[in-house]
Amino acid sequence: MKPATKRPAVVMPTVAEDKLITAAAKADPDAQPLTANQLQAMVPLESLRGRPKSENKNVA
């Protein structure tokens, strides 16, 4: 049995690297930040799962 392998350490970018990454992301026309209206319109995935609620409940 093989021993468990360690995950590589996560290396966080420096402040300068982070600024370059952010500037490149903002310059990309396909990756613009969401607007306040778009963020408010988001619905958690859990609320969309499952069968829709029926308006007419059968009561036996």
Protein backbone atom coordinates (compact mmCIF):
# COMPACT_ATOMS: atom_id res chain seq x y z
CA MET A 1 0.00 0.00 0.00
CA LYS A 2 1.35 3.41 -0.98
CA PRO A 3 1.78 6.06 1.70
CA ALA A 4 -0.55 9.05 1.40
CA THR A 5 0.96 11.79 -0.70
CA LYS A 6 1.11 15.31 0.62
CA ARG A 7 -0.58 18.05 -1.29
CA PRO A 8 1.70 20.76 -2.58
CA ALA A 9 1.75 23.92 -0.50
CA VAL A 10 -0.40 26.77 -1.81
CA VAL A 11 1.73 29.75 -2.73
CA MET A 12 -0.20 32.99 -2.49
CA PRO A 13 0.69 35.76 -4.96
CA THR A 14 2.54 38.81 -3.77
CA VAL A 15 0.74 42.17 -3.66
CA ALA A 16 2.37 43.18 -6.96
CA GLU A 17 1.41 39.87 -8.62
CA ASP A 18 -2.13 40.20 -7.28
CA LYS A 19 -2.44 43.68 -8.79
CA LEU A 20 -1.26 42.38 -12.17
CA ILE A 21 -3.72 39.47 -12.02
CA THR A 22 -6.60 41.78 -11.07
CA ALA A 23 -5.73 44.26 -13.84
CA ALA A 24 -5.58 41.47 -16.43
CA ALA A 25 -8.95 40.09 -15.26
CA LYS A 26 -10.61 43.52 -15.41
CA ALA A 27 -9.21 44.12 -18.92
CA ASP A 28 -10.81 40.90 -20.22
CA PRO A 29 -14.16 41.84 -21.84
CA ASP A 30 -15.48 38.29 -21.30
CA ALA A 31 -14.82 38.32 -17.55
CA GLN A 32 -16.35 41.53 -16.24
CA PRO A 33 -17.38 41.73 -12.56
CA LEU A 34 -21.02 41.16 -11.74
CA THR A 35 -23.22 44.18 -11.14
CA ALA A 36 -25.09 44.70 -7.87
CA ASN A 37 -28.36 43.69 -9.59
CA GLN A 38 -26.80 40.48 -10.91
CA LEU A 39 -25.46 39.59 -7.47
CA GLN A 40 -28.85 40.23 -5.86
CA ALA A 41 -30.62 38.07 -8.47
CA MET A 42 -28.48 35.03 -7.65
CA VAL A 43 -30.26 32.15 -5.93
CA PRO A 44 -28.51 29.45 -3.88
CA LEU A 45 -28.30 26.17 -5.79
CA GLU A 46 -30.02 24.22 -2.99
CA SER A 47 -33.24 26.18 -3.53
CA LEU A 48 -33.37 25.13 -7.20
CA ARG A 49 -32.96 21.41 -6.59
CA GLY A 50 -35.73 18.88 -6.30
CA ARG A 51 -39.27 18.73 -7.50
CA PRO A 52 -41.29 21.95 -7.80
CA LYS A 53 -43.93 22.55 -5.13
CA SER A 54 -47.46 21.83 -6.32
CA GLU A 55 -50.09 24.54 -6.10
CA ASN A 56 -52.86 21.92 -5.66
CA LYS A 57 -52.04 19.62 -2.77
CA ASN A 58 -53.96 16.35 -2.69
CA VAL A 59 -55.45 15.92 0.75
CA ALA A 60 -56.76 12.43 1.35
